[in-house]
Amino acid sequence: MSSTDQFDRNLKDAESLLERFRQSAVPNIIGGEVVADENLLDVLDPSTNEVLCKLSRGGASVVDRAAKAAMEAFPVWRDLPTARREKVLVAIAEAIEGRAREIALLESKDTGQPIRYMEKAAERGAANFRYYAKMASKAADGVSSPTATHVNYTTRVPIGPVGIITPWNTPFMLSTWKMAPALAAGCTVVHKPAEWSPLSGFLLAEIVQDVLRKEGLPAGIANLVQGLGEETGKALTEHPDIKAIAFVGESATGSAIMAQGAPTLKRVHFELGGKNPVIVFDDADMDRALDAVLFMIYSLNGQRCTSSSRALIQASIYDEFTARLVERIERIKVGDPLDPATEIGPLIHAEHLRKVVSYVGCAEEANATVAAGGRCEPDNGGNYFRPTLFTKASNDAAIAQEEIFGPVLTAISFADEAEAVRLANGVAYGLAGYIWTENTGRAHRVAHALDAGMIWVNSENVRHLPMPFGGMKASGIGRDGGEYAFKTYMEQKNIAISFGKAGVPRIGV
């Protein structure tokens, strides 16, 4: 099938899928019951800014009902044999794979992300559930440490109902990333997707509910609430029955959630913002580094927390490297997200587009050069913005310090290894870092020196599920991946059993 024919088929199939959401608002799902609101929100199509569908507004009463359903179902799910829990998670993974095209089309239409990337959304979501299905039997693992009089051992127990708040950029994958380990741990969940991109979150809830029903398990194990962050999200973080919040989003919102959860001593797990450096030394494989730099900032419309949005390039190759960047950037295809040829689609929302555009003015005020892009694509309609490169930038400028979260790269020159590390660490964030060098000793030195939770050397971001994922400083609290995720969703319990016959200290005799 030609690219044009595939594009036409994608448009037709997406319209067919959207019809159900245009007939009635995207609802909440609480205890297996579809709960619609009279108060509705508009969900806009990033490609046109026209109304894509209506969304239930949710709010405190909806959250209260969902939290109670999760609390009621918790003992059943907590006490389920782990082999049975594993079976449920595998069934969810299989169901996700069975609806892969539906997920991809709706996610692309809802978020503006190119279909070429969203085709992997279901694959990655299913992989998260399959991995944590295997981990379910290890969730309660502990250690034993005997003394002369006691056997001491530990076990882990699920913390209780968990609130999951996910962002709008790659919502399906990130929702499974949080939900799979929470369910594997034995927790029940209340999930709130972002109000700008709620469709794939609804599909996930629908899939999970179908599996729970077939398995004869309480529907309240997984619940879905819709609405605004400042209303539904706030009610979720404040609810006393919700024992932990797993959140992906902006650092400022993470701070607000921490404050809202403080009165109930809510445990929090945050994956927050990033202003991640990619450091290119003059001995790097320039062709591979160029590919990686371009991919890590311009794929997914630049709307990803781990994007390498600051390119720190050694002075001796700075001009050559940035010239080659400009050449490649000018060839990037901006277009409809459902077109297989599209490499960058529209940004999520007009409000976000205005934010990204504002940094062009910031660059000019800082005497940086707009070497490529820096403009909208008005002929396309919607929230289209050309991939952009700022050069001759200073590390203290706003374009180098603040998370733009769009297809915008700031290139900064450095003289030597010490300056590269100083510039890389000279921001509030510490999520990821990328290093390109053929010098093994330098790679280790710089990797250890960077203030970031994850470092890739001579590689783009390649996720390995058993390993920890998360950041330092303003980039988050806690880790996803492997057993690290269980630290959020489980409590550690110590049990000491006496086997000696030594007397117990006596008082009051």
Protein backbone atom coordinates (compact mmCIF):
# COMPACT_ATOMS: atom_id res chain seq x y z
CA MET A 1 0.00 0.00 0.00
CA SER A 2 1.36 3.43 -0.95
CA SER A 3 1.92 6.14 1.67
CA THR A 4 -0.98 8.12 0.20
CA ASP A 5 -3.33 5.14 0.32
CA GLN A 6 -2.28 4.39 3.91
CA PHE A 7 -2.92 8.02 4.86
CA ASP A 8 -6.43 7.85 3.37
CA ARG A 9 -7.11 4.60 5.19
CA ASN A 10 -5.85 6.07 8.48
CA LEU A 11 -8.13 9.11 8.11
CA LYS A 12 -11.15 6.93 7.36
CA ASP A 13 -10.52 4.50 10.20
CA ALA A 14 -9.84 7.28 12.71
CA GLU A 15 -13.11 9.02 11.82
CA SER A 16 -14.96 5.75 12.31
CA LEU A 17 -13.40 5.25 15.75
CA LEU A 18 -14.11 8.82 16.80
CA GLU A 19 -17.80 8.51 16.00
CA ARG A 20 -18.58 6.76 19.31
CA PHE A 21 -16.96 9.62 21.26
CA ARG A 22 -18.85 12.23 19.28
CA GLN A 23 -22.18 10.62 20.05
CA SER A 24 -21.59 10.81 23.80
CA ALA A 25 -18.96 12.41 26.02
CA VAL A 26 -15.91 10.42 27.14
CA PRO A 27 -17.10 9.14 30.54
CA ASN A 28 -15.69 8.10 33.89
CA ILE A 29 -15.60 4.39 34.71
CA ILE A 30 -16.14 3.71 38.41
CA GLY A 31 -16.55 0.24 39.85
CA GLY A 32 -17.27 -0.99 36.33
CA GLU A 33 -20.07 1.49 35.82
CA VAL A 34 -19.96 4.12 33.08
CA VAL A 35 -20.56 7.46 34.79
CA ALA A 36 -21.21 10.49 32.58
CA ASP A 37 -21.36 14.09 33.75
CA GLU A 38 -23.74 16.87 32.79
CA ASN A 39 -20.81 19.31 32.94
CA LEU A 40 -18.60 18.74 29.93
CA LEU A 41 -15.25 19.92 28.58
CA ASP A 42 -14.19 20.34 24.97
CA VAL A 43 -11.33 18.17 23.73
CA LEU A 44 -9.74 19.89 20.71
CA ASP A 45 -8.16 18.31 17.64
CA PRO A 46 -4.52 19.52 17.58
CA SER A 47 -4.58 19.40 13.77
CA THR A 48 -7.47 21.85 13.41
CA ASN A 49 -8.33 23.23 16.88
CA GLU A 50 -11.90 22.13 16.23
CA VAL A 51 -13.79 20.14 18.87
CA LEU A 52 -12.75 16.49 18.64
CA CYS A 53 -15.14 15.24 21.33
CA LYS A 54 -16.64 16.13 24.70
CA LEU A 55 -15.22 15.03 28.04
CA SER A 56 -16.88 14.45 31.40
CA ARG A 57 -15.69 17.09 33.85
CA GLY A 58 -15.52 14.80 36.88
CA GLY A 59 -14.70 16.59 40.12
CA ALA A 60 -14.61 15.83 43.82
CA SER A 61 -17.80 13.76 44.00
CA VAL A 62 -16.68 11.51 41.15
CA VAL A 63 -13.26 11.05 42.76
CA ASP A 64 -14.84 10.20 46.11
CA ARG A 65 -16.97 7.52 44.49
CA ALA A 66 -13.95 6.08 42.62
CA ALA A 67 -11.75 6.09 45.73
CA LYS A 68 -14.41 4.23 47.69
CA ALA A 69 -14.74 1.66 44.89
CA ALA A 70 -10.96 1.17 44.89
CA MET A 71 -10.90 0.80 48.67
CA GLU A 72 -13.73 -1.74 48.63
CA ALA A 73 -11.99 -3.85 45.96
CA PHE A 74 -8.55 -3.61 47.57
CA PRO A 75 -8.75 -6.58 50.00
CA VAL A 76 -9.82 -8.92 47.19
CA TRP A 77 -7.03 -7.87 44.84
CA ARG A 78 -4.43 -7.70 47.63
CA ASP A 79 -5.17 -11.24 48.79
CA LEU A 80 -5.42 -12.77 45.31
CA PRO A 81 -2.76 -15.48 44.72
CA THR A 82 0.06 -13.98 42.70
CA ALA A 83 -0.32 -16.61 39.98
CA ARG A 84 -3.87 -15.40 39.44
CA ARG A 85 -2.75 -11.77 39.45
CA GLU A 86 -0.12 -12.65 36.86
CA LYS A 87 -2.78 -14.24 34.67
CA VAL A 88 -4.88 -11.08 34.80
CA LEU A 89 -1.96 -8.86 33.78
CA VAL A 90 -1.05 -11.14 30.88
CA ALA A 91 -4.68 -11.04 29.72
CA ILE A 92 -4.56 -7.23 29.78
CA ALA A 93 -1.38 -7.29 27.68
CA GLU A 94 -3.02 -9.61 25.13
CA ALA A 95 -6.12 -7.41 24.97
CA ILE A 96 -3.96 -4.34 24.37
CA GLU A 97 -2.23 -6.09 21.48
CA GLY A 98 -5.61 -7.01 20.04
CA ARG A 99 -6.61 -3.34 19.87
CA ALA A 100 -3.24 -1.99 18.74
CA ARG A 101 -4.45 -0.16 15.64
CA GLU A 102 -7.37 1.43 17.49
CA ILE A 103 -5.01 2.68 20.20
CA ALA A 104 -2.53 4.06 17.66
CA LEU A 105 -5.09 5.93 15.59
CA LEU A 106 -6.90 7.52 18.53
CA GLU A 107 -3.65 8.41 20.30
CA SER A 108 -2.31 10.05 17.14
CA LYS A 109 -5.51 11.98 16.53
CA ASP A 110 -5.88 12.97 20.18
CA THR A 111 -2.29 14.10 20.80
CA GLY A 112 -1.01 15.17 17.38
CA GLN A 113 1.83 12.66 17.63
CA PRO A 114 2.84 11.14 14.26
CA ILE A 115 1.30 7.75 13.61
CA ARG A 116 4.79 6.34 12.90
CA TYR A 117 5.54 6.62 16.63
CA MET A 118 2.08 5.84 17.97
CA GLU A 119 2.04 2.49 16.16
CA LYS A 120 4.38 1.33 18.93
CA ALA A 121 2.17 2.63 21.76
CA ALA A 122 0.25 -0.62 22.17
CA GLU A 123 3.41 -2.69 21.82
CA ARG A 124 5.13 -0.77 24.62
CA GLY A 125 2.00 -0.76 26.78
CA ALA A 126 1.58 -4.51 26.43
CA ALA A 127 5.28 -4.99 27.22
CA ASN A 128 4.82 -3.09 30.49
CA PHE A 129 1.98 -5.38 31.56
CA ARG A 130 3.81 -8.55 30.48
CA TYR A 131 6.92 -7.54 32.40
CA TYR A 132 5.03 -6.77 35.59
CA ALA A 133 2.97 -9.95 35.25
CA LYS A 134 6.26 -11.78 35.76
CA MET A 135 7.20 -9.44 38.62
CA ALA A 136 3.93 -10.01 40.51
CA SER A 137 5.29 -13.13 42.21
CA LYS A 138 8.30 -11.13 43.45
CA ALA A 139 6.36 -8.20 44.81
CA ALA A 140 6.23 -9.48 48.39
CA ASP A 141 9.85 -10.71 48.44
CA GLY A 142 11.85 -9.88 51.53
CA VAL A 143 15.04 -10.77 53.40
CA SER A 144 15.81 -12.87 56.48
CA SER A 145 18.29 -11.89 59.19
CA PRO A 146 18.45 -14.19 62.26
CA THR A 147 19.86 -13.23 65.65
CA ALA A 148 20.60 -15.43 68.68
CA THR A 149 17.02 -15.16 69.92
CA HIS A 150 14.87 -14.20 66.93
CA VAL A 151 14.28 -14.81 63.26
CA ASN A 152 13.77 -11.43 61.64
CA TYR A 153 12.34 -11.28 58.16
CA THR A 154 10.77 -8.68 55.97
CA THR A 155 7.95 -8.74 53.50
CA ARG A 156 6.31 -6.15 51.31
CA VAL A 157 2.60 -5.45 51.33
CA PRO A 158 0.62 -3.26 48.93
CA ILE A 159 0.04 0.27 50.19
CA GLY A 160 -3.64 0.45 49.17
CA PRO A 161 -5.54 2.42 46.51
CA VAL A 162 -3.20 4.47 44.32
CA GLY A 163 -3.98 7.59 42.31
CA ILE A 164 -2.35 7.74 38.87
CA ILE A 165 -2.22 11.06 37.01
CA THR A 166 -0.76 10.88 33.51
CA PRO A 167 0.23 13.54 30.94
CA TRP A 168 -0.92 14.36 27.44
CA ASN A 169 2.21 13.65 25.38
CA THR A 170 2.32 9.81 25.14
CA PRO A 171 -0.58 8.97 27.45
CA PHE A 172 -1.20 5.30 26.68
CA MET A 173 2.35 4.09 27.25
CA LEU A 174 2.81 6.24 30.36
CA SER A 175 -0.52 5.07 31.81
CA THR A 176 0.51 1.43 31.46
CA TRP A 177 3.93 2.29 32.89
CA LYS A 178 2.26 3.36 36.13
CA MET A 179 -0.74 1.05 36.23
CA ALA A 180 1.07 -2.25 35.55
CA PRO A 181 3.44 -2.14 38.57
CA ALA A 182 0.71 -0.78 40.86
CA LEU A 183 -1.58 -3.69 39.97
CA ALA A 184 1.31 -6.19 40.14
CA ALA A 185 2.03 -4.96 43.67
CA GLY A 186 -1.56 -5.69 44.71
CA CYS A 187 -2.81 -2.10 44.75
CA THR A 188 -6.06 -0.91 43.27
CA VAL A 189 -6.00 2.23 41.12
CA VAL A 190 -7.87 5.40 40.27
CA HIS A 191 -6.51 6.83 37.02
CA LYS A 192 -6.93 10.40 35.80
CA PRO A 193 -5.70 11.04 32.25
CA ALA A 194 -4.85 14.53 31.03
CA GLU A 195 -7.90 16.48 29.92
CA TRP A 196 -6.18 17.42 26.63
CA SER A 197 -5.78 13.78 25.53
CA PRO A 198 -8.22 11.44 27.33
CA LEU A 199 -9.12 8.94 24.61
CA SER A 200 -6.41 6.28 24.98
CA GLY A 201 -6.81 6.39 28.77
CA PHE A 202 -10.46 5.50 28.26
CA LEU A 203 -9.47 2.63 25.95
CA LEU A 204 -7.08 1.29 28.60
CA ALA A 205 -9.80 1.45 31.26
CA GLU A 206 -12.20 -0.33 28.91
CA ILE A 207 -9.64 -3.07 28.24
CA VAL A 208 -8.89 -3.59 31.94
CA GLN A 209 -12.58 -3.65 32.85
CA ASP A 210 -13.28 -6.29 30.22
CA VAL A 211 -10.51 -8.52 31.61
CA LEU A 212 -11.68 -8.06 35.22
CA ARG A 213 -15.22 -8.98 34.23
CA LYS A 214 -14.09 -12.13 32.42
CA GLU A 215 -11.98 -13.11 35.45
CA GLY A 216 -14.88 -12.57 37.85
CA LEU A 217 -13.00 -9.91 39.82
CA PRO A 218 -14.30 -6.67 41.35
CA ALA A 219 -14.51 -3.87 38.80
CA GLY A 220 -13.32 -1.38 41.43
CA ILE A 221 -9.78 -2.75 41.09
CA ALA A 222 -9.26 -0.17 38.31
CA ASN A 223 -11.24 3.07 37.98
CA LEU A 224 -11.10 6.01 35.60
CA VAL A 225 -11.93 9.64 36.45
CA GLN A 226 -11.91 12.52 34.01
CA GLY A 227 -11.61 16.27 34.35
CA LEU A 228 -9.33 19.20 35.02
CA GLY A 229 -6.17 18.86 37.04
CA GLU A 230 -7.14 21.69 39.39
CA GLU A 231 -10.49 20.00 40.12
CA THR A 232 -10.42 16.23 39.61
CA GLY A 233 -6.66 15.94 40.05
CA LYS A 234 -6.69 18.01 43.23
CA ALA A 235 -9.53 15.95 44.69
CA LEU A 236 -7.60 12.76 43.94
CA THR A 237 -4.40 13.97 45.62
CA GLU A 238 -6.32 15.13 48.68
CA HIS A 239 -8.57 12.08 49.15
CA PRO A 240 -7.74 10.18 52.38
CA ASP A 241 -8.45 6.75 50.85
CA ILE A 242 -5.78 7.28 48.19
CA LYS A 243 -2.50 6.24 49.78
CA ALA A 244 -0.05 7.23 47.03
CA ILE A 245 0.06 9.40 43.92
CA ALA A 246 2.05 8.49 40.83
CA PHE A 247 2.29 11.56 38.62
CA VAL A 248 4.00 12.40 35.33
CA GLY A 249 4.10 16.05 34.32
CA GLU A 250 5.51 19.48 35.06
CA SER A 251 7.73 20.12 38.07
CA ALA A 252 5.49 22.96 39.30
CA THR A 253 2.47 20.64 39.28
CA GLY A 254 4.48 18.06 41.21
CA SER A 255 5.14 20.66 43.92
CA ALA A 256 1.43 21.46 44.10
CA ILE A 257 0.52 17.76 44.38
CA MET A 258 3.03 17.32 47.19
CA ALA A 259 1.41 20.18 49.10
CA GLN A 260 -2.10 18.87 48.47
CA GLY A 261 -1.16 15.39 49.68
CA ALA A 262 0.71 16.57 52.76
CA PRO A 263 -2.27 16.62 55.18
CA THR A 264 -2.88 12.91 54.52
CA LEU A 265 0.86 12.09 54.40
CA LYS A 266 0.46 10.89 50.83
CA ARG A 267 3.35 8.98 49.35
CA VAL A 268 4.35 10.52 46.00
CA HIS A 269 6.18 9.27 42.94
CA PHE A 270 6.97 12.00 40.42
CA GLU A 271 8.45 11.89 36.95
CA LEU A 272 8.80 15.59 36.23
CA GLY A 273 10.47 17.95 33.78
CA GLY A 274 13.84 17.86 32.14
CA LYS A 275 16.29 20.13 30.35
CA ASN A 276 18.50 17.27 29.33
CA PRO A 277 22.00 17.78 27.88
CA VAL A 278 23.49 15.82 25.03
CA ILE A 279 27.26 16.34 25.18
CA VAL A 280 29.08 15.86 21.88
CA PHE A 281 32.87 15.70 22.22
CA ASP A 282 35.13 16.25 19.23
CA ASP A 283 36.13 12.57 19.13
CA ALA A 284 32.51 11.39 18.77
CA ASP A 285 31.18 9.40 15.84
CA MET A 286 29.62 12.51 14.31
CA ASP A 287 27.17 10.75 12.00
CA ARG A 288 25.69 8.63 14.79
CA ALA A 289 25.66 11.56 17.21
CA LEU A 290 23.87 13.70 14.64
CA ASP A 291 21.17 11.04 14.17
CA ALA A 292 20.71 10.69 17.92
CA VAL A 293 20.56 14.43 18.63
CA LEU A 294 17.92 14.95 15.93
CA PHE A 295 15.85 11.95 17.01
CA MET A 296 15.88 12.77 20.71
CA ILE A 297 14.63 16.34 20.28
CA TYR A 298 12.38 16.22 17.23
CA SER A 299 10.65 12.84 17.49
CA LEU A 300 7.33 12.88 19.37
CA ASN A 301 7.09 16.59 18.41
CA GLY A 302 9.74 17.37 21.03
CA GLN A 303 7.09 16.73 23.67
CA ARG A 304 8.92 14.21 25.84
CA CYS A 305 10.57 14.56 29.24
CA THR A 306 13.78 12.82 28.17
CA SER A 307 14.34 14.89 25.02
CA SER A 308 17.91 16.15 24.59
CA SER A 309 16.87 19.79 24.36
CA ARG A 310 20.37 21.20 25.07
CA ALA A 311 23.16 20.21 22.69
CA LEU A 312 26.52 20.92 24.31
CA ILE A 313 29.00 20.70 21.44
CA GLN A 314 32.78 20.97 21.75
CA ALA A 315 34.03 24.22 20.23
CA SER A 316 36.31 22.56 17.68
CA ILE A 317 33.35 20.88 15.92
CA TYR A 318 30.55 23.33 16.87
CA ASP A 319 30.23 25.10 13.53
CA GLU A 320 30.37 21.91 11.47
CA PHE A 321 27.94 20.04 13.71
CA THR A 322 25.36 22.86 13.86
CA ALA A 323 25.59 23.38 10.08
CA ARG A 324 24.79 19.71 9.56
CA LEU A 325 21.92 20.00 12.05
CA VAL A 326 20.42 22.88 10.08
CA GLU A 327 20.67 20.91 6.84
CA ARG A 328 18.81 17.94 8.32
CA ILE A 329 16.24 20.05 10.19
CA GLU A 330 15.16 21.79 7.01
CA ARG A 331 14.26 18.38 5.53
CA ILE A 332 12.04 17.25 8.43
CA LYS A 333 8.46 16.77 7.23
CA VAL A 334 5.80 18.58 9.24
CA GLY A 335 2.27 17.44 8.53
CA ASP A 336 -0.89 15.63 9.50
CA PRO A 337 -0.17 13.11 12.28
CA LEU A 338 -2.05 10.35 10.47
CA ASP A 339 0.17 10.66 7.39
CA PRO A 340 2.83 7.90 7.54
CA ALA A 341 5.34 10.33 6.00
CA THR A 342 4.93 12.91 8.78
CA GLU A 343 7.86 13.29 11.16
CA ILE A 344 6.49 16.17 13.27
CA GLY A 345 2.78 16.72 13.82
CA PRO A 346 0.91 19.53 15.56
CA LEU A 347 1.61 20.43 19.17
CA ILE A 348 -1.02 19.32 21.64
CA HIS A 349 -2.94 22.57 22.18
CA ALA A 350 -3.01 26.20 21.07
CA GLU A 351 -2.11 27.25 24.61
CA HIS A 352 1.01 25.11 24.49
CA LEU A 353 1.88 26.38 21.01
CA ARG A 354 1.83 29.95 22.32
CA LYS A 355 4.26 28.93 25.07
CA VAL A 356 6.67 27.33 22.60
CA VAL A 357 6.48 30.30 20.21
CA SER A 358 7.27 32.69 23.07
CA TYR A 359 10.77 31.22 23.34
CA VAL A 360 11.66 32.58 19.90
CA GLY A 361 11.40 36.03 21.46
CA CYS A 362 13.43 34.84 24.46
CA ALA A 363 16.17 33.65 22.10
CA GLU A 364 16.30 36.96 20.29
CA GLU A 365 16.45 38.87 23.59
CA ALA A 366 19.39 36.68 24.64
CA ASN A 367 21.20 37.42 21.33
CA ALA A 368 20.99 33.79 20.26
CA THR A 369 20.60 32.95 16.58
CA VAL A 370 17.46 31.29 15.21
CA ALA A 371 19.39 29.01 12.87
CA ALA A 372 16.39 26.95 11.75
CA GLY A 373 12.64 27.02 12.19
CA GLY A 374 11.29 29.41 14.78
CA ARG A 375 7.94 29.80 13.03
CA CYS A 376 4.49 28.27 12.79
CA GLU A 377 3.11 26.51 9.75
CA PRO A 378 -0.02 28.64 9.13
CA ASP A 379 -0.92 26.88 5.89
CA ASN A 380 -1.41 23.61 7.77
CA GLY A 381 -3.88 24.99 10.30
CA GLY A 382 -3.83 23.66 13.84
CA ASN A 383 -0.85 23.89 16.18
CA TYR A 384 2.00 23.27 13.75
CA PHE A 385 5.48 24.60 14.56
CA ARG A 386 8.61 24.10 12.53
CA PRO A 387 11.50 22.17 14.19
CA THR A 388 13.75 24.87 15.59
CA LEU A 389 17.44 25.30 16.39
CA PHE A 390 18.89 28.11 18.49
CA THR A 391 22.67 28.58 18.19
CA LYS A 392 25.25 30.91 19.78
CA ALA A 393 23.29 30.54 23.02
CA SER A 394 24.39 31.13 26.60
CA ASN A 395 23.65 28.51 29.24
CA ASP A 396 22.05 31.12 31.52
CA ALA A 397 19.45 32.16 28.92
CA ALA A 398 15.83 31.09 29.36
CA ILE A 399 16.05 28.90 26.24
CA ALA A 400 18.79 26.88 27.98
CA GLN A 401 17.29 26.85 31.48
CA GLU A 402 13.55 26.31 31.02
CA GLU A 403 11.72 23.26 29.73
CA ILE A 404 10.16 24.32 26.42
CA PHE A 405 8.64 20.89 25.70
CA GLY A 406 8.50 21.31 21.96
CA PRO A 407 10.66 20.68 18.86
CA VAL A 408 13.25 23.24 19.97
CA LEU A 409 16.98 22.58 20.38
CA THR A 410 19.46 24.99 21.97
CA ALA A 411 23.09 24.47 20.91
CA ILE A 412 25.83 25.66 23.28
CA SER A 413 29.60 25.53 22.77
CA PHE A 414 32.05 24.23 25.38
CA ALA A 415 35.84 24.19 25.51
CA ASP A 416 36.73 21.10 27.53
CA GLU A 417 35.40 18.29 29.70
CA ALA A 418 35.22 20.38 32.87
CA GLU A 419 33.16 23.07 31.17
CA ALA A 420 30.87 20.48 29.59
CA VAL A 421 30.05 19.04 33.02
CA ARG A 422 29.57 22.50 34.53
CA LEU A 423 27.15 23.53 31.77
CA ALA A 424 25.30 20.21 31.84
CA ASN A 425 24.70 20.47 35.60
CA GLY A 426 23.89 24.18 35.52
CA VAL A 427 20.10 23.80 35.42
CA ALA A 428 17.39 23.01 37.97
CA TYR A 429 16.60 19.66 36.34
CA GLY A 430 18.35 16.30 36.44
CA LEU A 431 16.39 13.68 34.53
CA ALA A 432 18.64 12.38 31.74
CA GLY A 433 21.97 12.98 30.04
CA TYR A 434 23.55 11.79 26.80
CA ILE A 435 27.30 11.57 26.12
CA TRP A 436 29.01 11.07 22.76
CA THR A 437 32.70 10.22 22.88
CA GLU A 438 35.04 7.42 21.80
CA ASN A 439 37.12 7.88 24.97
CA THR A 440 35.99 5.24 27.47
CA GLY A 441 37.63 6.92 30.45
CA ARG A 442 35.98 10.23 29.62
CA ALA A 443 32.61 8.51 29.20
CA HIS A 444 32.82 7.07 32.73
CA ARG A 445 34.10 10.31 34.28
CA VAL A 446 31.41 12.47 32.74
CA ALA A 447 28.64 9.96 33.40
CA HIS A 448 29.53 9.90 37.12
CA ALA A 449 29.80 13.70 37.24
CA LEU A 450 26.41 14.49 35.69
CA ASP A 451 23.51 15.33 38.01
CA ALA A 452 20.96 13.12 36.28
CA GLY A 453 19.11 9.94 37.10
CA MET A 454 19.79 8.29 33.74
CA ILE A 455 22.79 8.51 31.42
CA TRP A 456 23.16 7.07 27.93
CA VAL A 457 26.62 6.88 26.33
CA ASN A 458 26.83 6.75 22.52
CA SER A 459 23.11 6.01 22.39
CA GLU A 460 19.72 7.60 22.26
CA ASN A 461 17.17 6.82 24.98
CA VAL A 462 16.74 3.02 24.95
CA ARG A 463 14.49 1.79 27.75
CA HIS A 464 15.32 -1.45 29.62
CA LEU A 465 12.36 -2.30 31.89
CA PRO A 466 14.27 -3.95 34.76
CA MET A 467 16.38 -0.82 35.29
CA PRO A 468 15.39 2.31 37.22
CA PHE A 469 13.85 5.27 35.39
CA GLY A 470 13.65 8.64 37.11
CA GLY A 471 15.41 11.89 37.87
CA MET A 472 17.24 14.04 40.39
CA LYS A 473 16.70 17.62 41.55
CA ALA A 474 13.53 19.15 40.04
CA SER A 475 13.06 16.16 37.75
CA GLY A 476 11.30 13.91 40.20
CA ILE A 477 11.05 11.63 43.21
CA GLY A 478 11.20 7.84 43.02
CA ARG A 479 11.89 5.41 40.19
CA ASP A 480 9.93 3.37 37.68
CA GLY A 481 11.16 0.03 36.39
CA GLY A 482 11.99 -3.36 37.86
CA GLU A 483 11.53 -3.74 41.58
CA TYR A 484 12.27 -0.03 42.02
CA ALA A 485 8.62 0.80 41.25
CA PHE A 486 7.44 -1.34 44.17
CA LYS A 487 8.99 1.16 46.58
CA THR A 488 6.13 3.50 45.73
CA TYR A 489 3.31 0.98 45.74
CA MET A 490 4.29 -1.20 48.70
CA GLU A 491 5.10 -0.91 52.41
CA GLN A 492 8.06 -2.74 53.94
CA LYS A 493 7.12 -4.80 56.98
CA ASN A 494 9.53 -6.36 59.49
CA ILE A 495 8.44 -9.45 61.43
CA ALA A 496 10.50 -10.80 64.36
CA ILE A 497 9.73 -14.25 65.84
CA SER A 498 11.39 -15.40 69.04
CA PHE A 499 12.70 -18.94 69.18
CA GLY A 500 14.77 -18.60 72.37
CA LYS A 501 13.63 -19.36 75.89
CA ALA A 502 15.32 -16.47 77.56
CA GLY A 503 13.06 -14.71 80.03
CA VAL A 504 11.18 -11.58 79.05
CA PRO A 505 12.14 -8.52 81.14
CA ARG A 506 9.62 -8.24 83.99
CA ILE A 507 8.21 -5.17 85.60
CA GLY A 508 5.48 -4.70 88.17
CA VAL A 509 6.19 -7.95 90.06
